[in-house]
Amino acid sequence: MNDSNHVVARLAGVLKSYGSVAALEGAALQLRGGELLALLGPNGAGKTTAIGLLLGLIRADAGTVELFGLDPQRIEPRRCIGVMLQNAQLPPTLRVAELLRLTASSYPVPRSVAESAELAGIGDLLQRPYAKLSGGQQRRVQFALALCGRPELLFLDEPTVGMDIEARQKLWAAIRQLLADGCSVLLTTHYLEEAEALADRVCVMSRGRIIHESSVDELRAKVALKRIRCLSALSIDTVRGWPDVSEAHRERERLHITTAEAEIVVRRLLEADPRLAELEVHRAGLAEAFTELTRDADEASEQLQREAA
């Protein structure tokens, strides 16, 4: 079982370019034993490059890349990882159980086919050819293949793409079980609710740089916005005209307001509409925090480019 103080994967001062395009510029991150680190960022932020470096698929131009304290291209650390990438090319005619047995044979102490299938929720798919599965079912099989070697570190790159809500939640439950058993997880996802539900820490990337690293709660705290929902007859135009309201809209009969001054707006709502009902106030979620951080980073980058021109 991984020691929570032990660093299992590390980037430090990493530079990586493809021709004139800088994919990573001084990237630095650490993943500790037994934690889930979510790597977030828009397309082109450098997430795939960071994972490729840690997997030993590509080499950095400069900086340090370590997997269990070793070069990721050595066989020793590779035996301790499981990988689920966005795109997987698997033999289409092999049955799922055959794929599991074939993959497990590469590891010293793998899980049994039954154990891997149960954990990934694919027990009913074992005798089916891989090519006959739906996209969501294939993703679940890929997850089973990633965990069948009993990895100490699991790389999950957009793992729930193509899954329905029920399958996604079952995979979340399996990930939580792996974490409880001491497995570390590096997750990339475009579903911010996925990171919010699973992550111990998040790293936000933009244009090849890590612009923020913290817990989910700390990331939320960087955004002062709160959401107010209520039943009210007040017009949208009236509420939008209030000085402390950032945004307001109506969904069916409910009024939705975004504001940095929730207490002031709530008092004004109660004064303006004595019949107001079902009032709810929520702090900003990860989506708002992510949007705010990446927007600030893009604006800062554009400003630097203008000054250098």
Protein backbone atom coordinates (compact mmCIF):
# COMPACT_ATOMS: atom_id res chain seq x y z
CA MET A 1 0.00 0.00 0.00
CA ASN A 2 1.31 3.44 -0.92
CA ASP A 3 2.58 5.72 1.81
CA SER A 4 0.62 8.99 1.61
CA ASN A 5 3.86 10.95 2.01
CA HIS A 6 5.61 9.07 -0.81
CA VAL A 7 5.75 10.79 -4.21
CA VAL A 8 4.82 8.26 -6.90
CA ALA A 9 4.96 10.59 -9.92
CA ARG A 10 6.73 13.90 -10.44
CA LEU A 11 7.34 16.58 -13.03
CA ALA A 12 9.76 19.39 -12.16
CA GLY A 13 10.64 22.28 -14.45
CA VAL A 14 9.63 20.29 -17.51
CA LEU A 15 9.90 21.77 -21.00
CA LYS A 16 8.52 20.04 -24.08
CA SER A 17 8.07 21.50 -27.54
CA TYR A 18 6.87 20.15 -30.87
CA GLY A 19 8.69 22.24 -33.44
CA SER A 20 7.89 25.86 -32.65
CA VAL A 21 4.92 24.93 -30.44
CA ALA A 22 5.59 24.78 -26.68
CA ALA A 23 3.43 22.02 -25.17
CA LEU A 24 4.84 22.37 -21.63
CA GLU A 25 6.68 25.35 -20.19
CA GLY A 26 8.21 24.69 -16.79
CA ALA A 27 5.48 22.27 -15.68
CA ALA A 28 5.74 20.94 -12.12
CA LEU A 29 3.45 18.53 -10.28
CA GLN A 30 3.61 15.77 -7.69
CA LEU A 31 1.27 12.85 -7.06
CA ARG A 32 1.49 11.21 -3.64
CA GLY A 33 0.59 7.71 -2.58
CA GLY A 34 -3.11 6.94 -2.19
CA GLU A 35 -4.41 10.23 -3.59
CA LEU A 36 -6.32 11.20 -6.71
CA LEU A 37 -4.95 14.19 -8.59
CA ALA A 38 -7.20 15.64 -11.29
CA LEU A 39 -5.41 17.35 -14.16
CA LEU A 40 -7.76 19.92 -15.67
CA GLY A 41 -7.47 22.27 -18.59
CA PRO A 42 -8.89 23.11 -22.02
CA ASN A 43 -7.83 21.27 -25.16
CA GLY A 44 -4.22 22.08 -25.94
CA ALA A 45 -3.36 22.91 -22.32
CA GLY A 46 -0.66 20.22 -22.12
CA LYS A 47 -2.46 17.47 -20.19
CA THR A 48 -1.84 14.72 -22.76
CA THR A 49 1.83 15.70 -23.05
CA ALA A 50 2.24 15.56 -19.25
CA ILE A 51 0.76 12.06 -19.16
CA GLY A 52 2.87 10.94 -22.12
CA LEU A 53 6.01 12.05 -20.27
CA LEU A 54 5.06 10.22 -17.07
CA LEU A 55 4.28 7.07 -19.05
CA GLY A 56 7.66 7.24 -20.77
CA LEU A 57 6.03 7.51 -24.20
CA ILE A 58 7.91 10.74 -24.96
CA ARG A 59 10.99 12.47 -23.59
CA ALA A 60 11.17 15.95 -22.06
CA ASP A 61 13.41 18.56 -23.67
CA ALA A 62 14.45 19.68 -20.18
CA GLY A 63 13.48 19.15 -16.54
CA THR A 64 12.84 16.10 -14.38
CA VAL A 65 10.28 13.34 -14.97
CA GLU A 66 10.03 10.52 -12.42
CA LEU A 67 7.78 7.52 -11.86
CA PHE A 68 8.31 5.94 -8.44
CA GLY A 69 11.57 7.88 -8.33
CA LEU A 70 12.83 6.27 -11.55
CA ASP A 71 12.98 7.01 -15.26
CA PRO A 72 9.47 6.26 -16.62
CA GLN A 73 10.99 4.30 -19.50
CA ARG A 74 12.45 1.66 -17.16
CA ILE A 75 10.55 -1.59 -16.81
CA GLU A 76 10.43 -1.51 -12.98
CA PRO A 77 8.06 1.45 -12.60
CA ARG A 78 6.01 0.38 -15.61
CA ARG A 79 5.11 -2.87 -13.86
CA CYS A 80 3.45 -0.80 -11.12
CA ILE A 81 1.05 1.21 -13.29
CA GLY A 82 -2.25 0.77 -15.09
CA VAL A 83 -3.27 2.96 -18.00
CA MET A 84 -6.60 3.91 -19.57
CA LEU A 85 -6.05 6.38 -22.39
CA GLN A 86 -8.64 8.22 -24.47
CA ASN A 87 -8.04 6.02 -27.50
CA ALA A 88 -7.34 2.29 -27.32
CA GLN A 89 -6.81 -0.12 -30.19
CA LEU A 90 -7.57 -3.65 -28.98
CA PRO A 91 -7.89 -6.91 -30.94
CA PRO A 92 -11.53 -6.75 -32.07
CA THR A 93 -12.17 -10.49 -32.31
CA LEU A 94 -10.91 -11.44 -28.84
CA ARG A 95 -13.49 -11.97 -26.14
CA VAL A 96 -13.35 -9.74 -23.07
CA ALA A 97 -12.13 -12.57 -20.81
CA GLU A 98 -9.34 -13.32 -23.30
CA LEU A 99 -8.27 -9.66 -23.29
CA LEU A 100 -8.16 -9.67 -19.50
CA ARG A 101 -6.09 -12.85 -19.34
CA LEU A 102 -3.70 -11.58 -22.01
CA THR A 103 -3.16 -8.24 -20.26
CA ALA A 104 -2.86 -9.78 -16.79
CA SER A 105 -0.08 -12.08 -18.04
CA SER A 106 2.22 -9.04 -18.30
CA TYR A 107 2.12 -8.39 -14.54
CA PRO A 108 3.79 -10.26 -11.67
CA VAL A 109 0.75 -10.48 -9.33
CA PRO A 110 -2.38 -9.65 -11.34
CA ARG A 111 -6.00 -9.74 -10.28
CA SER A 112 -8.02 -12.71 -11.41
CA VAL A 113 -10.34 -12.26 -14.37
CA ALA A 114 -13.34 -12.53 -12.03
CA GLU A 115 -11.98 -9.91 -9.62
CA SER A 116 -11.15 -7.44 -12.39
CA ALA A 117 -14.53 -7.96 -14.01
CA GLU A 118 -16.40 -7.46 -10.75
CA LEU A 119 -14.52 -4.28 -9.89
CA ALA A 120 -15.14 -2.81 -13.35
CA GLY A 121 -18.73 -4.07 -13.55
CA ILE A 122 -18.26 -6.13 -16.73
CA GLY A 123 -19.09 -9.61 -15.48
CA ASP A 124 -21.86 -9.92 -18.08
CA LEU A 125 -19.51 -9.03 -20.94
CA LEU A 126 -16.74 -11.61 -20.46
CA GLN A 127 -17.78 -13.93 -23.30
CA ARG A 128 -18.53 -11.20 -25.82
CA PRO A 129 -16.11 -10.17 -28.60
CA TYR A 130 -14.68 -6.72 -27.97
CA ALA A 131 -15.81 -5.41 -31.37
CA LYS A 132 -19.44 -6.27 -30.55
CA LEU A 133 -19.55 -3.95 -27.53
CA SER A 134 -20.97 -0.43 -27.44
CA GLY A 135 -18.62 2.51 -26.94
CA GLY A 136 -19.52 2.78 -23.26
CA GLN A 137 -19.04 -0.97 -22.73
CA GLN A 138 -15.63 -0.82 -24.41
CA ARG A 139 -14.60 1.96 -22.04
CA ARG A 140 -15.57 -0.21 -19.05
CA VAL A 141 -13.48 -3.07 -20.48
CA GLN A 142 -10.54 -0.68 -20.92
CA PHE A 143 -10.91 0.28 -17.27
CA ALA A 144 -10.83 -3.40 -16.27
CA LEU A 145 -7.65 -3.88 -18.31
CA ALA A 146 -6.06 -0.88 -16.59
CA LEU A 147 -6.66 -2.28 -13.10
CA CYS A 148 -6.09 -5.99 -13.77
CA GLY A 149 -2.35 -5.78 -12.98
CA ARG A 150 -3.09 -4.55 -9.43
CA PRO A 151 -1.40 -1.19 -10.14
CA GLU A 152 -0.02 1.12 -7.48
CA LEU A 153 -0.66 4.06 -9.82
CA LEU A 154 -3.53 4.31 -12.28
CA PHE A 155 -3.59 6.77 -15.20
CA LEU A 156 -7.15 7.58 -16.28
CA ASP A 157 -7.41 9.85 -19.32
CA GLU A 158 -11.04 10.92 -19.82
CA PRO A 159 -12.24 7.54 -18.48
CA THR A 160 -16.00 8.09 -18.60
CA VAL A 161 -16.37 9.50 -22.12
CA GLY A 162 -19.17 7.59 -23.84
CA MET A 163 -20.62 6.19 -20.60
CA ASP A 164 -24.16 6.77 -19.43
CA ILE A 165 -24.80 8.24 -15.99
CA GLU A 166 -25.27 4.87 -14.26
CA ALA A 167 -22.06 3.43 -15.72
CA ARG A 168 -20.16 6.60 -14.83
CA GLN A 169 -21.25 6.44 -11.20
CA LYS A 170 -20.31 2.76 -10.98
CA LEU A 171 -16.86 3.59 -12.29
CA TRP A 172 -16.57 6.38 -9.69
CA ALA A 173 -17.41 3.84 -6.98
CA ALA A 174 -14.70 1.49 -8.31
CA ILE A 175 -12.16 4.32 -8.32
CA ARG A 176 -13.02 5.15 -4.70
CA GLN A 177 -12.48 1.49 -3.78
CA LEU A 178 -9.06 1.49 -5.47
CA LEU A 179 -8.10 4.67 -3.61
CA ALA A 180 -9.21 3.13 -0.31
CA ASP A 181 -6.91 0.18 -1.08
CA GLY A 182 -3.96 2.58 -1.47
CA CYS A 183 -3.84 2.99 -5.24
CA SER A 184 -2.89 6.46 -6.55
CA VAL A 185 -4.78 7.93 -9.50
CA LEU A 186 -3.91 10.62 -12.04
CA LEU A 187 -7.16 11.65 -13.71
CA THR A 188 -7.80 13.93 -16.65
CA THR A 189 -11.41 14.80 -17.35
CA HIS A 190 -13.60 17.35 -19.07
CA TYR A 191 -16.41 16.53 -16.63
CA LEU A 192 -15.75 18.97 -13.81
CA GLU A 193 -18.32 17.24 -11.61
CA GLU A 194 -16.13 14.13 -11.92
CA ALA A 195 -13.11 15.95 -10.51
CA GLU A 196 -15.30 17.53 -7.84
CA ALA A 197 -16.63 14.12 -6.79
CA LEU A 198 -13.31 12.24 -6.74
CA ALA A 199 -10.25 14.47 -6.46
CA ASP A 200 -8.11 15.10 -3.40
CA ARG A 201 -6.25 17.78 -5.33
CA VAL A 202 -6.61 19.48 -8.71
CA CYS A 203 -4.00 20.95 -11.05
CA VAL A 204 -5.34 23.45 -13.57
CA MET A 205 -3.33 23.77 -16.78
CA SER A 206 -3.41 26.47 -19.42
CA ARG A 207 -1.12 26.89 -22.43
CA GLY A 208 1.48 24.44 -21.17
CA ARG A 209 1.68 25.82 -17.65
CA ILE A 210 0.18 24.72 -14.35
CA ILE A 211 -1.64 27.85 -13.21
CA HIS A 212 -3.18 26.52 -10.01
CA GLU A 213 -2.81 23.53 -7.68
CA SER A 214 -4.90 22.97 -4.57
CA SER A 215 -7.71 20.97 -3.04
CA VAL A 216 -11.16 21.28 -4.63
CA ASP A 217 -12.35 23.39 -1.69
CA GLU A 218 -9.38 25.74 -1.99
CA LEU A 219 -10.00 26.12 -5.70
CA ARG A 220 -13.65 26.94 -5.09
CA ALA A 221 -12.62 29.51 -2.49
CA LYS A 222 -10.75 31.47 -5.14
CA VAL A 223 -14.09 32.35 -6.68
CA ALA A 224 -16.33 34.59 -4.59
CA LEU A 225 -19.44 33.95 -6.68
CA LYS A 226 -22.49 32.26 -5.18
CA ARG A 227 -25.69 31.03 -6.77
CA ILE A 228 -29.15 31.95 -5.52
CA ARG A 229 -32.28 30.07 -6.55
CA CYS A 230 -35.83 30.95 -5.55
CA LEU A 231 -39.46 31.13 -6.62
CA SER A 232 -40.20 34.78 -7.35
CA ALA A 233 -42.47 36.89 -9.54
CA LEU A 234 -39.77 39.55 -9.96
CA SER A 235 -38.87 40.30 -13.57
CA ILE A 236 -35.47 39.29 -14.89
CA ASP A 237 -34.78 42.83 -16.09
CA THR A 238 -35.39 44.21 -12.61
CA VAL A 239 -33.01 41.74 -10.94
CA ARG A 240 -30.34 42.17 -13.63
CA GLY A 241 -30.39 45.89 -12.92
CA TRP A 242 -29.31 45.45 -9.30
CA PRO A 243 -25.67 46.51 -8.81
CA ASP A 244 -24.46 43.32 -7.06
CA VAL A 245 -25.96 40.84 -9.55
CA SER A 246 -23.46 39.31 -12.01
CA GLU A 247 -26.03 37.29 -13.93
CA ALA A 248 -29.71 36.36 -13.68
CA HIS A 249 -31.99 34.08 -15.65
CA ARG A 250 -35.19 32.10 -15.22
CA GLU A 251 -35.61 28.35 -15.61
CA ARG A 252 -39.31 27.61 -15.69
CA GLU A 253 -40.67 29.28 -12.59
CA ARG A 254 -37.35 29.51 -10.74
CA LEU A 255 -35.16 32.60 -10.64
CA HIS A 256 -31.39 31.91 -10.80
CA ILE A 257 -28.95 34.61 -9.72
CA THR A 258 -25.14 34.68 -9.65
CA THR A 259 -23.53 37.18 -7.29
CA ALA A 260 -20.45 37.87 -5.19
CA GLU A 261 -22.64 39.53 -2.53
CA ALA A 262 -25.20 36.88 -1.70
CA GLU A 263 -26.28 38.40 1.64
CA ILE A 264 -27.03 41.79 0.08
CA VAL A 265 -28.95 40.27 -2.82
CA VAL A 266 -30.97 37.96 -0.55
CA ARG A 267 -32.05 40.90 1.60
CA ARG A 268 -33.07 42.83 -1.49
CA LEU A 269 -35.03 39.86 -2.82
CA LEU A 270 -36.95 39.53 0.43
CA GLU A 271 -37.74 43.25 0.47
CA ALA A 272 -38.78 43.35 -3.18
CA ASP A 273 -40.93 40.20 -3.16
CA PRO A 274 -42.82 39.36 0.06
CA ARG A 275 -44.09 36.16 -1.60
CA LEU A 276 -40.62 34.85 -2.39
CA ALA A 277 -40.31 31.12 -1.60
CA GLU A 278 -37.91 28.16 -1.71
CA LEU A 279 -34.82 30.31 -1.33
CA GLU A 280 -31.50 28.47 -1.78
CA VAL A 281 -27.93 29.80 -1.70
CA HIS A 282 -25.01 27.71 -3.00
CA ARG A 283 -21.31 28.46 -3.19
CA ALA A 284 -19.59 28.36 -6.57
CA GLY A 285 -18.72 24.98 -7.96
CA LEU A 286 -15.56 23.78 -9.63
CA ALA A 287 -16.83 24.85 -13.04
CA GLU A 288 -16.93 28.53 -12.06
CA ALA A 289 -13.51 28.36 -10.43
CA PHE A 290 -12.00 26.63 -13.45
CA THR A 291 -13.49 29.15 -15.87
CA GLU A 292 -12.27 32.06 -13.79
CA LEU A 293 -8.70 30.75 -13.52
CA THR A 294 -8.29 29.87 -17.19
CA ARG A 295 -9.77 33.19 -18.28
CA ASP A 296 -7.34 35.10 -16.05
CA ALA A 297 -4.41 33.03 -17.38
CA ASP A 298 -5.42 33.62 -21.00
CA GLU A 299 -5.79 37.36 -20.42
CA ALA A 300 -2.36 37.52 -18.75
CA SER A 301 -0.77 35.58 -21.63
CA GLU A 302 -2.36 37.83 -24.24
CA GLN A 303 -1.18 40.91 -22.35
CA LEU A 304 2.41 39.59 -22.34
CA GLN A 305 2.22 38.92 -26.07
CA ARG A 306 1.01 42.46 -26.73
CA GLU A 307 3.80 43.93 -24.62
CA ALA A 308 6.41 41.81 -26.43
CA ALA A 309 5.13 42.80 -29.88
